[in-house]
Amino acid sequence: MAKKRLREIVHTQLDPGAWRGRGLSPVNKVLVAAILAATLVAILATEPVLAKTYAGVLTALELGFGVLFAFEYLARLWSVVERNQLGLSPLKTRIRFVLSPPAIVDLLIIIITLVPFLAINVMALRLVRLLRILRLAKLGRMSEALRLLYGVVSSRRYELLVTLGLAATMLIFGASALYWVEGDIQPDKFGSVPRALWWAVITLTTIGYGDVYPITAVGKCIAGFVAIAGIGLIAMPTGILAAGFSDAVRDRKR
């Protein structure tokens, strides 16, 4: 009985769906902080100067996080039988957990972290682990906000799609026009519509890196038109979403 009670407690702490309190359980809060810290350490380790100067510290932190996540993985594997909603045997329930995509990613990261001689770059996998925060938050305090965001985007999807269509049309128009006007003059930059699309994207989004720009009078006029149109097109989704949030909040207060 004591073993089963302990397993229930572990399951309640690790599974957001089993936690009855507000927000995340204390253990999951610690895990979220650990995931963020481990990701930060992995990012800092990609800087050669830091990696060379603090090699020992970064390695120790990596191994420490690896051990922590290994214990968490084993605890989930041990307690997952408490979530058996399909009437499966404990063995089949654990096999089902091990073969789930999130568990496979977690296990790969743990193995590679704790076996340094493999020398495999798992930065992409570490970033994938950040998705676990969203999975935990789905049933935590952020769930209400995420549902509100999804509802607003869903209710305004037609307006957003129209805006996206206008933006795509303007991109193709701008790229095609600059290809026609500047293609022979700057073939390396505007020699094809796909090449000119890079200029159209950075101009329409009002970023304007300055690495590609027209040099003819007609090309500059087209660029000015696309830039001005971009201001309106960028503002439209913001206004649509702002109106959607305003309506959603007003409806909830009724």
Foldseek 3Di string as FASTA:
>chain_A
DVVLVVLLVLCCQLPLVNPPDAFHHPVVVVVLVLLVVLLVLLVQCVPVVCCVVPVVVSLVSLLVSLVVLVVNLVSCLVNQVVVPPPPDDNVVSSVVVCPDVVNVLSVVSSVCSNPVVVVDNCSVSSVVNNVVVVVRRCSHPCVVVVVLLVVLCVVCVVVVVVLVVVLVVLLQVLLVVCLVVCCVVCVVQNVDSVSSSVVLVCQLCVNCPPPDADDDPVRVVSSVVSNVNSVVSVVSVVVSSVVSSVVSVVVVVD
